[in-house]
Structure formats: structure tokens, C-alpha cells
């Protein structure tokens, strides 16, 4: 896969996780591995714990780039999947997941987290298209390792209050700011 080992950019495979809930929202609370997460956390706020449907291993996806930024030359980046064009290795921007031992998990997320404030060139149709992948598989390993979730382990390390501030509270503030920007952009365009 990595034909030129000394390049500043490596394209690796990715799993595209769609915005399909695990049967329904109520199933989230029934997953045994989530039982030890403190009640202060709303599991629906965490894409890695909320969305488990992804494209299958047999489904080629546009990869993601890892770049050695100390070797980035400042050029314009026309393709977010192959950041430095020919200075990337790993084949084209499309990679076949079954051929990759290392993959990025890419979450479409909710519409609120997907869209951009103001004019969003991608729009709702792009959101719907990303979520209409064929051959979806349920991946019950996301966010879980050794029988516990990353969030449970994080809470044990930093404590509940700090974990809330660094995860859920930060995200809620960010989404509120995003919503305010959307409202401002809408108001400005209707004047």
C-alpha cells in the first residue's frame, strides 16, 4: 500500500459511520458496556457511542491523510482526502478497507453537527447521500475496548466533573455557538 515510504503524506483507509441509530434511541441505554458511564452524561451526545452502522470492509471509501506538518510546503489543498496530491503515498484517494490494517473512523454525525453555519455548500442532500451507504454492517466494537468504553475509562482518569467539562459541556457550548451563527446568517440574508 505505501509505495513511497519517505513522503510527507500517507493516505489510509477509513470506515464511514452513518447517522443510523442502533435500532432506536432506547437501545443505546440497553447496551451493557454503557452501564458504567455516570448518569450525568447523555450518551446521545457522543457519536462514537451513538452510531455503530458503518460501510462494510468490502466497500471502498475515500481515505484520510496523515501529514508530517513539518514538511508541508504551504500549498493550496484541493482534495481533503489526499492532502498533498502526488506527495502522498498509499495509492489514490480511494482505499479498499479490507486491504488496510489501520483505518480512521469517520462519523457523519447528526445533521446539527454536520452542517456548517451560514451558507453550507455541502447542504442537506450531501448529508443524506453520506447516510445512504449500501451494505451497512453493525459494528459493536466502536468506542469499546476490553469491555468498557473510552468514556468510562476517561472518567476514571480525570473524574466526572472534568470529563463533563471537556466532553459534553464543551460540545453543547460549541453547538449553541454554531446555532447562533446559523440564526445570524439567516437574519442577515433576509434583510
C-alpha atoms as a PDB file:
ATOM      1  CA  UNK A   1       0.000   0.000   0.000  1.00  0.00           C
ATOM      2  CA  UNK A   2       2.647   2.549   0.980  1.00  0.00           C
ATOM      3  CA  UNK A   3       4.795   2.520  -2.139  1.00  0.00           C
ATOM      4  CA  UNK A   4       6.971   5.519  -1.318  1.00  0.00           C
ATOM      5  CA  UNK A   5       7.876   5.341   2.383  1.00  0.00           C
ATOM      6  CA  UNK A   6       9.555   8.759   2.664  1.00  0.00           C
ATOM      7  CA  UNK A   7       6.651  11.027   1.685  1.00  0.00           C
ATOM      8  CA  UNK A   8       5.185  13.759   3.878  1.00  0.00           C
ATOM      9  CA  UNK A   9       1.663  12.345   3.461  1.00  0.00           C
ATOM     10  CA  UNK A  10       0.151   8.881   3.862  1.00  0.00           C
ATOM     11  CA  UNK A  11      -3.406   8.069   2.765  1.00  0.00           C
ATOM     12  CA  UNK A  12      -5.035   5.465   4.973  1.00  0.00           C
ATOM     13  CA  UNK A  13      -8.396   3.721   4.804  1.00  0.00           C
ATOM     14  CA  UNK A  14     -11.471   4.847   6.666  1.00  0.00           C
ATOM     15  CA  UNK A  15     -14.730   3.462   7.914  1.00  0.00           C
ATOM     16  CA  UNK A  16     -17.658   5.764   7.212  1.00  0.00           C
ATOM     17  CA  UNK A  17     -20.092   5.547  10.137  1.00  0.00           C
ATOM     18  CA  UNK A  18     -23.537   6.767   9.124  1.00  0.00           C
ATOM     19  CA  UNK A  19     -26.136   8.562  11.232  1.00  0.00           C
ATOM     20  CA  UNK A  20     -28.235   5.464  11.756  1.00  0.00           C
ATOM     21  CA  UNK A  21     -29.125   4.758  15.367  1.00  0.00           C
ATOM     22  CA  UNK A  22     -28.827   1.281  16.874  1.00  0.00           C
ATOM     23  CA  UNK A  23     -32.431   0.223  16.071  1.00  0.00           C
ATOM     24  CA  UNK A  24     -33.786   3.158  18.088  1.00  0.00           C
ATOM     25  CA  UNK A  25     -32.613   5.649  20.708  1.00  0.00           C
ATOM     26  CA  UNK A  26     -33.789   3.424  23.545  1.00  0.00           C
ATOM     27  CA  UNK A  27     -31.345   0.674  22.575  1.00  0.00           C
ATOM     28  CA  UNK A  28     -28.454   2.969  23.434  1.00  0.00           C
ATOM     29  CA  UNK A  29     -29.308   2.715  27.130  1.00  0.00           C
ATOM     30  CA  UNK A  30     -29.579  -1.084  26.934  1.00  0.00           C
ATOM     31  CA  UNK A  31     -26.027  -1.737  25.723  1.00  0.00           C
ATOM     32  CA  UNK A  32     -24.274  -3.460  28.616  1.00  0.00           C
ATOM     33  CA  UNK A  33     -20.939  -1.715  28.038  1.00  0.00           C
ATOM     34  CA  UNK A  34     -22.607   1.670  28.699  1.00  0.00           C
ATOM     35  CA  UNK A  35     -23.903   0.693  32.155  1.00  0.00           C
ATOM     36  CA  UNK A  36     -20.852   2.102  33.995  1.00  0.00           C
ATOM     37  CA  UNK A  37     -20.998   5.584  32.474  1.00  0.00           C
ATOM     38  CA  UNK A  38     -22.244   8.118  35.064  1.00  0.00           C
ATOM     39  CA  UNK A  39     -25.847   9.273  34.608  1.00  0.00           C
ATOM     40  CA  UNK A  40     -24.723  12.903  34.121  1.00  0.00           C
ATOM     41  CA  UNK A  41     -23.619  12.012  30.589  1.00  0.00           C
ATOM     42  CA  UNK A  42     -26.077  11.965  27.712  1.00  0.00           C
ATOM     43  CA  UNK A  43     -24.759   9.097  25.573  1.00  0.00           C
ATOM     44  CA  UNK A  44     -26.586  10.521  22.536  1.00  0.00           C
ATOM     45  CA  UNK A  45     -24.042  13.389  22.540  1.00  0.00           C
ATOM     46  CA  UNK A  46     -21.169  11.011  21.711  1.00  0.00           C
ATOM     47  CA  UNK A  47     -21.051   9.890  18.074  1.00  0.00           C
ATOM     48  CA  UNK A  48     -18.609   7.086  18.851  1.00  0.00           C
ATOM     49  CA  UNK A  49     -21.119   5.579  21.273  1.00  0.00           C
ATOM     50  CA  UNK A  50     -24.309   6.523  19.419  1.00  0.00           C
ATOM     51  CA  UNK A  51     -23.653   5.439  15.830  1.00  0.00           C
ATOM     52  CA  UNK A  52     -22.456   1.904  15.106  1.00  0.00           C
ATOM     53  CA  UNK A  53     -23.514   1.355  11.484  1.00  0.00           C
ATOM     54  CA  UNK A  54     -20.663   1.642   9.003  1.00  0.00           C
ATOM     55  CA  UNK A  55     -19.760   0.732   5.450  1.00  0.00           C
ATOM     56  CA  UNK A  56     -18.551  -2.855   5.106  1.00  0.00           C
ATOM     57  CA  UNK A  57     -14.918  -3.888   4.650  1.00  0.00           C
ATOM     58  CA  UNK A  58     -15.727  -4.603   1.008  1.00  0.00           C
ATOM     59  CA  UNK A  59     -16.819  -1.035   0.387  1.00  0.00           C
ATOM     60  CA  UNK A  60     -14.055   1.259  -0.914  1.00  0.00           C
ATOM     61  CA  UNK A  61     -14.109   4.696   0.704  1.00  0.00           C
ATOM     62  CA  UNK A  62     -12.151   7.854   0.163  1.00  0.00           C
ATOM     63  CA  UNK A  63      -9.277   7.679   2.630  1.00  0.00           C
ATOM     64  CA  UNK A  64      -7.901  10.186   5.072  1.00  0.00           C
ATOM     65  CA  UNK A  65      -4.419  11.679   5.065  1.00  0.00           C
ATOM     66  CA  UNK A  66      -1.851  11.807   7.802  1.00  0.00           C
ATOM     67  CA  UNK A  67       0.595  14.631   7.110  1.00  0.00           C
ATOM     68  CA  UNK A  68       4.014  15.405   8.521  1.00  0.00           C
ATOM     69  CA  UNK A  69       3.265  19.106   9.003  1.00  0.00           C
ATOM     70  CA  UNK A  70       6.960  19.940   9.395  1.00  0.00           C
ATOM     71  CA  UNK A  71       7.262  19.039   5.683  1.00  0.00           C
ATOM     72  CA  UNK A  72       4.109  20.845   4.484  1.00  0.00           C
ATOM     73  CA  UNK A  73       5.053  23.440   1.877  1.00  0.00           C
ATOM     74  CA  UNK A  74       2.048  25.784   2.261  1.00  0.00           C
ATOM     75  CA  UNK A  75       0.353  24.812  -1.000  1.00  0.00           C
ATOM     76  CA  UNK A  76      -3.415  25.043  -1.579  1.00  0.00           C
ATOM     77  CA  UNK A  77      -5.167  21.779  -0.682  1.00  0.00           C
ATOM     78  CA  UNK A  78      -7.729  20.908  -3.374  1.00  0.00           C
ATOM     79  CA  UNK A  79      -8.637  17.460  -2.043  1.00  0.00           C
ATOM     80  CA  UNK A  80      -9.280  16.833   1.669  1.00  0.00           C
ATOM     81  CA  UNK A  81      -8.793  13.098   1.167  1.00  0.00           C
ATOM     82  CA  UNK A  82      -5.357  13.302  -0.452  1.00  0.00           C
ATOM     83  CA  UNK A  83      -3.994  16.459   1.101  1.00  0.00           C
ATOM     84  CA  UNK A  84      -0.683  16.769  -0.747  1.00  0.00           C
ATOM     85  CA  UNK A  85      -1.622  15.147  -4.049  1.00  0.00           C
ATOM     86  CA  UNK A  86       1.341  13.253  -5.560  1.00  0.00           C
ATOM     87  CA  UNK A  87       3.327  13.787  -2.365  1.00  0.00           C
ATOM     88  CA  UNK A  88       1.005  11.278  -0.687  1.00  0.00           C
ATOM     89  CA  UNK A  89       1.530   7.564  -0.756  1.00  0.00           C
ATOM     90  CA  UNK A  90      -0.961   4.756  -0.287  1.00  0.00           C
ATOM     91  CA  UNK A  91      -2.447   4.725  -3.775  1.00  0.00           C
ATOM     92  CA  UNK A  92      -5.157   7.130  -4.881  1.00  0.00           C
ATOM     93  CA  UNK A  93      -7.553   8.905  -2.565  1.00  0.00           C
ATOM     94  CA  UNK A  94      -9.784   5.798  -2.668  1.00  0.00           C
ATOM     95  CA  UNK A  95      -8.656   2.945  -0.493  1.00  0.00           C
ATOM     96  CA  UNK A  96     -10.122  -0.503  -0.065  1.00  0.00           C
ATOM     97  CA  UNK A  97     -10.792  -1.077   3.625  1.00  0.00           C
ATOM     98  CA  UNK A  98     -10.178  -4.819   3.510  1.00  0.00           C
ATOM     99  CA  UNK A  99      -6.600  -4.136   2.325  1.00  0.00           C
ATOM    100  CA  UNK A 100      -5.795  -1.751   5.194  1.00  0.00           C
ATOM    101  CA  UNK A 101      -4.782  -2.804   8.677  1.00  0.00           C
ATOM    102  CA  UNK A 102      -5.110   0.753  10.017  1.00  0.00           C
ATOM    103  CA  UNK A 103      -8.276   2.790   9.477  1.00  0.00           C
ATOM    104  CA  UNK A 104      -9.781   6.094  10.554  1.00  0.00           C
ATOM    105  CA  UNK A 105     -13.335   6.069  11.890  1.00  0.00           C
ATOM    106  CA  UNK A 106     -15.211   8.887  10.165  1.00  0.00           C
ATOM    107  CA  UNK A 107     -18.608   9.758  11.659  1.00  0.00           C
ATOM    108  CA  UNK A 108     -21.194  11.654   9.607  1.00  0.00           C
ATOM    109  CA  UNK A 109     -22.902  12.540  12.900  1.00  0.00           C
ATOM    110  CA  UNK A 110     -26.166  14.349  13.344  1.00  0.00           C
ATOM    111  CA  UNK A 111     -27.392  16.977  10.881  1.00  0.00           C
ATOM    112  CA  UNK A 112     -26.687  19.661  13.509  1.00  0.00           C
ATOM    113  CA  UNK A 113     -23.050  18.629  13.836  1.00  0.00           C
ATOM    114  CA  UNK A 114     -22.588  18.015  10.071  1.00  0.00           C
ATOM    115  CA  UNK A 115     -23.775  21.337   8.736  1.00  0.00           C
ATOM    116  CA  UNK A 116     -21.731  24.500   8.676  1.00  0.00           C
ATOM    117  CA  UNK A 117     -23.024  27.868   9.867  1.00  0.00           C
ATOM    118  CA  UNK A 118     -24.221  30.242   7.176  1.00  0.00           C
ATOM    119  CA  UNK A 119     -24.005  29.030   3.606  1.00  0.00           C
ATOM    120  CA  UNK A 120     -23.160  25.333   3.602  1.00  0.00           C
ATOM    121  CA  UNK A 121     -22.045  24.244   0.141  1.00  0.00           C
ATOM    122  CA  UNK A 122     -22.453  20.590   1.124  1.00  0.00           C
ATOM    123  CA  UNK A 123     -26.086  21.026   2.163  1.00  0.00           C
ATOM    124  CA  UNK A 124     -28.685  18.584   3.427  1.00  0.00           C
ATOM    125  CA  UNK A 125     -28.534  16.459   0.267  1.00  0.00           C
ATOM    126  CA  UNK A 126     -24.855  15.684   0.897  1.00  0.00           C
ATOM    127  CA  UNK A 127     -25.772  14.707   4.456  1.00  0.00           C
ATOM    128  CA  UNK A 128     -28.469  12.367   3.129  1.00  0.00           C
ATOM    129  CA  UNK A 129     -26.099  10.939   0.483  1.00  0.00           C
ATOM    130  CA  UNK A 130     -23.433  10.168   3.082  1.00  0.00           C
ATOM    131  CA  UNK A 131     -26.055   8.321   5.090  1.00  0.00           C
ATOM    132  CA  UNK A 132     -27.319   6.230   2.170  1.00  0.00           C
ATOM    133  CA  UNK A 133     -24.358   3.841   2.036  1.00  0.00           C
ATOM    134  CA  UNK A 134     -25.020   0.309   0.805  1.00  0.00           C
ATOM    135  CA  UNK A 135     -24.035  -2.889   2.626  1.00  0.00           C
ATOM    136  CA  UNK A 136     -24.015  -1.386   6.115  1.00  0.00           C
ATOM    137  CA  UNK A 137     -22.762  -3.538   8.951  1.00  0.00           C
ATOM    138  CA  UNK A 138     -23.329  -3.104  12.676  1.00  0.00           C
ATOM    139  CA  UNK A 139     -20.001  -2.597  14.436  1.00  0.00           C
ATOM    140  CA  UNK A 140     -20.427  -3.181  18.159  1.00  0.00           C
ATOM    141  CA  UNK A 141     -16.732  -2.562  18.861  1.00  0.00           C
ATOM    142  CA  UNK A 142     -16.772   1.212  18.352  1.00  0.00           C
ATOM    143  CA  UNK A 143     -15.958   3.165  21.446  1.00  0.00           C
ATOM    144  CA  UNK A 144     -15.445  -0.094  23.368  1.00  0.00           C
ATOM    145  CA  UNK A 145     -12.249  -1.873  24.352  1.00  0.00           C
ATOM    146  CA  UNK A 146     -11.763  -4.560  26.968  1.00  0.00           C
ATOM    147  CA  UNK A 147     -15.446  -4.460  27.932  1.00  0.00           C
ATOM    148  CA  UNK A 148     -15.531  -0.739  28.778  1.00  0.00           C
ATOM    149  CA  UNK A 149     -15.979   2.419  26.739  1.00  0.00           C
ATOM    150  CA  UNK A 150     -13.360   5.099  26.186  1.00  0.00           C
ATOM    151  CA  UNK A 151     -15.670   7.484  28.066  1.00  0.00           C
ATOM    152  CA  UNK A 152     -15.828   5.236  31.132  1.00  0.00           C
ATOM    153  CA  UNK A 153     -12.025   4.980  31.211  1.00  0.00           C
ATOM    154  CA  UNK A 154     -11.673   8.757  30.677  1.00  0.00           C
ATOM    155  CA  UNK A 155     -13.996   9.470  33.627  1.00  0.00           C
ATOM    156  CA  UNK A 156     -11.886   7.153  35.822  1.00  0.00           C
ATOM    157  CA  UNK A 157      -8.740   9.103  34.901  1.00  0.00           C
ATOM    158  CA  UNK A 158      -9.954  12.719  35.147  1.00  0.00           C
ATOM    159  CA  UNK A 159     -13.132  12.435  37.248  1.00  0.00           C
ATOM    160  CA  UNK A 160     -16.762  13.030  36.332  1.00  0.00           C
ATOM    161  CA  UNK A 161     -16.764  16.839  36.618  1.00  0.00           C
ATOM    162  CA  UNK A 162     -13.674  17.352  34.447  1.00  0.00           C
ATOM    163  CA  UNK A 163     -14.861  14.770  31.918  1.00  0.00           C
ATOM    164  CA  UNK A 164     -18.216  16.562  31.626  1.00  0.00           C
ATOM    165  CA  UNK A 165     -16.481  19.911  31.054  1.00  0.00           C
ATOM    166  CA  UNK A 166     -14.058  18.528  28.455  1.00  0.00           C
ATOM    167  CA  UNK A 167     -16.596  16.497  26.505  1.00  0.00           C
ATOM    168  CA  UNK A 168     -20.313  17.063  26.811  1.00  0.00           C
ATOM    169  CA  UNK A 169     -20.334  20.642  28.154  1.00  0.00           C
ATOM    170  CA  UNK A 170     -17.755  21.773  25.576  1.00  0.00           C
ATOM    171  CA  UNK A 171     -19.782  20.201  22.764  1.00  0.00           C
ATOM    172  CA  UNK A 172     -23.046  21.743  23.946  1.00  0.00           C
ATOM    173  CA  UNK A 173     -21.409  25.211  24.045  1.00  0.00           C
ATOM    174  CA  UNK A 174     -19.937  24.635  20.584  1.00  0.00           C
ATOM    175  CA  UNK A 175     -23.281  23.571  19.116  1.00  0.00           C
ATOM    176  CA  UNK A 176     -25.056  26.534  20.737  1.00  0.00           C
ATOM    177  CA  UNK A 177     -22.476  28.893  19.188  1.00  0.00           C
ATOM    178  CA  UNK A 178     -22.990  27.149  15.832  1.00  0.00           C
ATOM    179  CA  UNK A 179     -26.764  27.537  16.077  1.00  0.00           C
ATOM    180  CA  UNK A 180     -26.376  31.242  16.878  1.00  0.00           C
ATOM    181  CA  UNK A 181     -24.156  31.680  13.804  1.00  0.00           C
ATOM    182  CA  UNK A 182     -26.802  29.969  11.648  1.00  0.00           C
ATOM    183  CA  UNK A 183     -29.504  32.271  13.031  1.00  0.00           C
ATOM    184  CA  UNK A 184     -27.316  35.354  12.447  1.00  0.00           C
ATOM    185  CA  UNK A 185     -26.540  34.257   8.877  1.00  0.00           C
ATOM    186  CA  UNK A 186     -30.230  33.644   8.208  1.00  0.00           C
ATOM    187  CA  UNK A 187     -31.196  37.024   9.657  1.00  0.00           C
ATOM    188  CA  UNK A 188     -28.500  38.793   7.611  1.00  0.00           C
ATOM    189  CA  UNK A 189     -29.625  37.123   4.363  1.00  0.00           C
ATOM    190  CA  UNK A 190     -33.288  38.042   4.949  1.00  0.00           C
ATOM    191  CA  UNK A 191     -32.563  41.771   5.388  1.00  0.00           C
END
